[in-house]
Amino acid sequence: NFFAPAAAGEILEAFRPMLCPHEKAFYKAAALVCLFLPDDMASAGGPAAVLEELSAVWLQVHNQHDWHLIFMTLFSRLMRHNHQGALQAMQGLMPALLETFIRVLEVPSGAKSPQKPESLGWPDDCAFLISSTKPKEEMVKKS
């Protein structure tokens, strides 16, 4: 953290006008808020108020991997250091977080042709770990 805990309110006040999606500096302001915001959110109205305000900003942009990672970092840090104060506000954000995790991690979610784990192949170098059909000596290449 770069700033004192009492600076959280000042940081949000300084960047709040730029946290509008129509501003040219929107992405830059969001990244700087997430980077500079101290862990102690008491001066900004408490962790729940900060989480609600910043989650509303986060939810304005969809399908932007870097955008999601910026806010995932902030939310993680906020919950790690203020879990008691932000837990209630985080409950309402859970469906959006779950959907974002699924999209960021590229978890297949289509019902047409789901991939079955048993159909996945192993690299030749690792096949002897799960397969007992061939001895290890045949599977491991000696150089």
C-alpha atoms as a PDB file:
ATOM      1  CA  ASN A   1       0.000   0.000   0.000  1.00  0.00           C
ATOM      2  CA  PHE A   2       1.254   3.397  -0.980  1.00  0.00           C
ATOM      3  CA  PHE A   3      -0.995   5.623   1.125  1.00  0.00           C
ATOM      4  CA  ALA A   4      -2.050   5.920   4.748  1.00  0.00           C
ATOM      5  CA  PRO A   5      -5.308   4.213   5.780  1.00  0.00           C
ATOM      6  CA  ALA A   6      -6.980   7.600   6.246  1.00  0.00           C
ATOM      7  CA  ALA A   7      -6.437   8.386   2.552  1.00  0.00           C
ATOM      8  CA  ALA A   8      -9.026   5.881   1.248  1.00  0.00           C
ATOM      9  CA  GLY A   9     -11.796   8.498   1.185  1.00  0.00           C
ATOM     10  CA  GLU A  10      -9.570  11.055  -0.521  1.00  0.00           C
ATOM     11  CA  ILE A  11      -8.475   8.568  -3.174  1.00  0.00           C
ATOM     12  CA  LEU A  12     -12.060   7.656  -4.005  1.00  0.00           C
ATOM     13  CA  GLU A  13     -13.074  11.337  -4.109  1.00  0.00           C
ATOM     14  CA  ALA A  14     -10.201  12.149  -6.461  1.00  0.00           C
ATOM     15  CA  PHE A  15     -10.975   9.333  -8.912  1.00  0.00           C
ATOM     16  CA  ARG A  16     -14.785   9.189  -8.616  1.00  0.00           C
ATOM     17  CA  PRO A  17     -15.429  11.723 -11.428  1.00  0.00           C
ATOM     18  CA  MET A  18     -13.337   9.609 -13.817  1.00  0.00           C
ATOM     19  CA  LEU A  19     -15.165   6.363 -12.950  1.00  0.00           C
ATOM     20  CA  CYS A  20     -17.779   7.075 -15.590  1.00  0.00           C
ATOM     21  CA  PRO A  21     -17.646   4.802 -18.667  1.00  0.00           C
ATOM     22  CA  HIS A  22     -17.913   7.834 -20.946  1.00  0.00           C
ATOM     23  CA  GLU A  23     -14.643   9.306 -19.669  1.00  0.00           C
ATOM     24  CA  LYS A  24     -11.446   8.763 -21.647  1.00  0.00           C
ATOM     25  CA  ALA A  25      -9.538   7.895 -18.470  1.00  0.00           C
ATOM     26  CA  PHE A  26     -12.122   5.363 -17.229  1.00  0.00           C
ATOM     27  CA  TYR A  27      -9.907   2.259 -17.375  1.00  0.00           C
ATOM     28  CA  LYS A  28      -6.879   4.096 -16.099  1.00  0.00           C
ATOM     29  CA  ALA A  29      -8.823   5.560 -13.156  1.00  0.00           C
ATOM     30  CA  ALA A  30     -10.228   2.146 -12.201  1.00  0.00           C
ATOM     31  CA  ALA A  31      -6.779   0.569 -12.304  1.00  0.00           C
ATOM     32  CA  LEU A  32      -5.285   3.369 -10.195  1.00  0.00           C
ATOM     33  CA  VAL A  33      -8.079   3.145  -7.612  1.00  0.00           C
ATOM     34  CA  CYS A  34      -7.546  -0.600  -7.337  1.00  0.00           C
ATOM     35  CA  LEU A  35      -3.806  -0.112  -7.031  1.00  0.00           C
ATOM     36  CA  PHE A  36      -3.677   2.841  -4.615  1.00  0.00           C
ATOM     37  CA  LEU A  37      -6.660   2.151  -2.352  1.00  0.00           C
ATOM     38  CA  PRO A  38      -5.454   1.277   1.173  1.00  0.00           C
ATOM     39  CA  ASP A  39      -6.624  -1.902   2.890  1.00  0.00           C
ATOM     40  CA  ASP A  40      -8.349   0.027   5.685  1.00  0.00           C
ATOM     41  CA  MET A  41     -11.558   1.481   4.264  1.00  0.00           C
ATOM     42  CA  ALA A  42     -12.880   3.263   7.373  1.00  0.00           C
ATOM     43  CA  SER A  43     -12.269   6.750   5.983  1.00  0.00           C
ATOM     44  CA  ALA A  44     -14.244   5.908   2.829  1.00  0.00           C
ATOM     45  CA  GLY A  45     -17.420   4.859   4.649  1.00  0.00           C
ATOM     46  CA  GLY A  46     -16.358   1.341   5.565  1.00  0.00           C
ATOM     47  CA  PRO A  47     -15.564  -1.738   3.496  1.00  0.00           C
ATOM     48  CA  ALA A  48     -19.193  -2.516   2.653  1.00  0.00           C
ATOM     49  CA  ALA A  49     -19.788   0.946   1.166  1.00  0.00           C
ATOM     50  CA  VAL A  50     -16.553   0.799  -0.838  1.00  0.00           C
ATOM     51  CA  LEU A  51     -17.357  -2.700  -2.093  1.00  0.00           C
ATOM     52  CA  GLU A  52     -20.845  -1.678  -3.186  1.00  0.00           C
ATOM     53  CA  GLU A  53     -19.588   1.436  -4.987  1.00  0.00           C
ATOM     54  CA  LEU A  54     -16.710  -0.302  -6.760  1.00  0.00           C
ATOM     55  CA  SER A  55     -18.740  -3.382  -7.650  1.00  0.00           C
ATOM     56  CA  ALA A  56     -21.221  -1.094  -9.423  1.00  0.00           C
ATOM     57  CA  VAL A  57     -18.307   0.327 -11.432  1.00  0.00           C
ATOM     58  CA  TRP A  58     -16.966  -3.174 -12.133  1.00  0.00           C
ATOM     59  CA  LEU A  59     -20.329  -4.433 -13.407  1.00  0.00           C
ATOM     60  CA  GLN A  60     -20.519  -1.649 -16.024  1.00  0.00           C
ATOM     61  CA  VAL A  61     -17.995  -3.413 -18.275  1.00  0.00           C
ATOM     62  CA  HIS A  62     -18.503  -6.931 -19.608  1.00  0.00           C
ATOM     63  CA  ASN A  63     -16.202  -9.468 -21.268  1.00  0.00           C
ATOM     64  CA  GLN A  64     -12.944  -7.618 -20.617  1.00  0.00           C
ATOM     65  CA  HIS A  65     -10.370  -9.991 -19.141  1.00  0.00           C
ATOM     66  CA  ASP A  66      -7.983  -7.289 -17.895  1.00  0.00           C
ATOM     67  CA  TRP A  67     -10.844  -5.305 -16.392  1.00  0.00           C
ATOM     68  CA  HIS A  68     -12.013  -8.314 -14.417  1.00  0.00           C
ATOM     69  CA  LEU A  69      -8.514  -9.102 -13.170  1.00  0.00           C
ATOM     70  CA  ILE A  70      -8.059  -5.539 -11.893  1.00  0.00           C
ATOM     71  CA  PHE A  71     -11.204  -5.785  -9.805  1.00  0.00           C
ATOM     72  CA  MET A  72     -10.658  -9.400  -8.731  1.00  0.00           C
ATOM     73  CA  THR A  73      -7.374  -8.248  -7.218  1.00  0.00           C
ATOM     74  CA  LEU A  74      -9.090  -5.417  -5.374  1.00  0.00           C
ATOM     75  CA  PHE A  75     -11.991  -7.566  -4.148  1.00  0.00           C
ATOM     76  CA  SER A  76      -9.573 -10.240  -2.966  1.00  0.00           C
ATOM     77  CA  ARG A  77      -7.511  -7.726  -1.028  1.00  0.00           C
ATOM     78  CA  LEU A  78     -10.607  -6.050   0.374  1.00  0.00           C
ATOM     79  CA  MET A  79     -12.023  -9.355   1.635  1.00  0.00           C
ATOM     80  CA  ARG A  80      -8.671 -10.534   2.991  1.00  0.00           C
ATOM     81  CA  HIS A  81      -8.263  -7.455   5.193  1.00  0.00           C
ATOM     82  CA  ASN A  82     -11.912  -6.488   5.867  1.00  0.00           C
ATOM     83  CA  HIS A  83     -13.869  -9.735   5.722  1.00  0.00           C
ATOM     84  CA  GLN A  84     -16.092  -8.916   8.690  1.00  0.00           C
ATOM     85  CA  GLY A  85     -17.197  -5.549   7.355  1.00  0.00           C
ATOM     86  CA  ALA A  86     -17.618  -6.545   3.715  1.00  0.00           C
ATOM     87  CA  LEU A  87     -19.121 -10.021   4.040  1.00  0.00           C
ATOM     88  CA  GLN A  88     -22.742  -8.920   3.733  1.00  0.00           C
ATOM     89  CA  ALA A  89     -22.037  -6.761   0.678  1.00  0.00           C
ATOM     90  CA  MET A  90     -20.065  -9.602  -0.915  1.00  0.00           C
ATOM     91  CA  GLN A  91     -23.042 -11.986  -0.669  1.00  0.00           C
ATOM     92  CA  GLY A  92     -24.980  -9.980  -3.251  1.00  0.00           C
ATOM     93  CA  LEU A  93     -21.973  -9.952  -5.551  1.00  0.00           C
ATOM     94  CA  MET A  94     -21.410 -13.728  -5.521  1.00  0.00           C
ATOM     95  CA  PRO A  95     -23.445 -14.633  -8.655  1.00  0.00           C
ATOM     96  CA  ALA A  96     -21.580 -12.045 -10.736  1.00  0.00           C
ATOM     97  CA  LEU A  97     -18.239 -13.192  -9.307  1.00  0.00           C
ATOM     98  CA  LEU A  98     -18.984 -16.841 -10.074  1.00  0.00           C
ATOM     99  CA  GLU A  99     -19.964 -16.027 -13.653  1.00  0.00           C
ATOM    100  CA  THR A 100     -16.812 -13.946 -14.067  1.00  0.00           C
ATOM    101  CA  PHE A 101     -14.582 -16.700 -12.680  1.00  0.00           C
ATOM    102  CA  ILE A 102     -16.135 -19.167 -15.121  1.00  0.00           C
ATOM    103  CA  ARG A 103     -15.545 -16.800 -18.041  1.00  0.00           C
ATOM    104  CA  VAL A 104     -12.010 -15.780 -17.035  1.00  0.00           C
ATOM    105  CA  LEU A 105     -10.966 -19.391 -16.456  1.00  0.00           C
ATOM    106  CA  GLU A 106     -12.695 -20.415 -19.715  1.00  0.00           C
ATOM    107  CA  VAL A 107     -14.625 -23.256 -18.121  1.00  0.00           C
ATOM    108  CA  PRO A 108     -16.678 -25.009 -20.829  1.00  0.00           C
ATOM    109  CA  SER A 109     -20.328 -24.543 -19.995  1.00  0.00           C
ATOM    110  CA  GLY A 110     -22.160 -25.550 -23.186  1.00  0.00           C
ATOM    111  CA  ALA A 111     -24.727 -28.326 -23.024  1.00  0.00           C
ATOM    112  CA  LYS A 112     -24.330 -29.427 -26.663  1.00  0.00           C
ATOM    113  CA  SER A 113     -21.146 -31.426 -26.442  1.00  0.00           C
ATOM    114  CA  PRO A 114     -19.618 -31.413 -22.990  1.00  0.00           C
ATOM    115  CA  GLN A 115     -16.129 -32.822 -22.841  1.00  0.00           C
ATOM    116  CA  LYS A 116     -15.885 -35.992 -20.793  1.00  0.00           C
ATOM    117  CA  PRO A 117     -12.817 -36.312 -18.566  1.00  0.00           C
ATOM    118  CA  GLU A 118     -12.220 -39.925 -19.616  1.00  0.00           C
ATOM    119  CA  SER A 119     -11.947 -38.880 -23.268  1.00  0.00           C
ATOM    120  CA  LEU A 120      -9.029 -36.555 -22.577  1.00  0.00           C
ATOM    121  CA  GLY A 121      -5.647 -37.934 -23.556  1.00  0.00           C
ATOM    122  CA  TRP A 122      -2.456 -37.708 -21.564  1.00  0.00           C
ATOM    123  CA  PRO A 123       0.858 -36.629 -23.041  1.00  0.00           C
ATOM    124  CA  ASP A 124       2.991 -39.605 -23.998  1.00  0.00           C
ATOM    125  CA  ASP A 125       5.571 -38.743 -21.359  1.00  0.00           C
ATOM    126  CA  CYS A 126       2.955 -38.949 -18.592  1.00  0.00           C
ATOM    127  CA  ALA A 127       0.814 -41.855 -19.789  1.00  0.00           C
ATOM    128  CA  PHE A 128       2.695 -44.416 -17.698  1.00  0.00           C
ATOM    129  CA  LEU A 129       1.457 -42.658 -14.555  1.00  0.00           C
ATOM    130  CA  ILE A 130      -2.150 -43.663 -15.161  1.00  0.00           C
ATOM    131  CA  SER A 131      -1.840 -46.557 -17.556  1.00  0.00           C
ATOM    132  CA  SER A 132      -0.739 -49.995 -16.447  1.00  0.00           C
ATOM    133  CA  THR A 133      -0.843 -51.539 -19.910  1.00  0.00           C
ATOM    134  CA  LYS A 134       2.774 -50.817 -20.774  1.00  0.00           C
ATOM    135  CA  PRO A 135       5.751 -50.989 -18.460  1.00  0.00           C
ATOM    136  CA  LYS A 136       7.420 -47.766 -17.476  1.00  0.00           C
ATOM    137  CA  GLU A 137      10.589 -48.690 -19.373  1.00  0.00           C
ATOM    138  CA  GLU A 138       8.702 -48.720 -22.666  1.00  0.00           C
ATOM    139  CA  MET A 139       6.998 -45.406 -21.949  1.00  0.00           C
ATOM    140  CA  VAL A 140      10.042 -43.428 -20.808  1.00  0.00           C
ATOM    141  CA  LYS A 141      12.491 -42.535 -23.531  1.00  0.00           C
ATOM    142  CA  LYS A 142      16.126 -42.667 -22.583  1.00  0.00           C
ATOM    143  CA  SER A 143      18.452 -40.108 -24.093  1.00  0.00           C
END
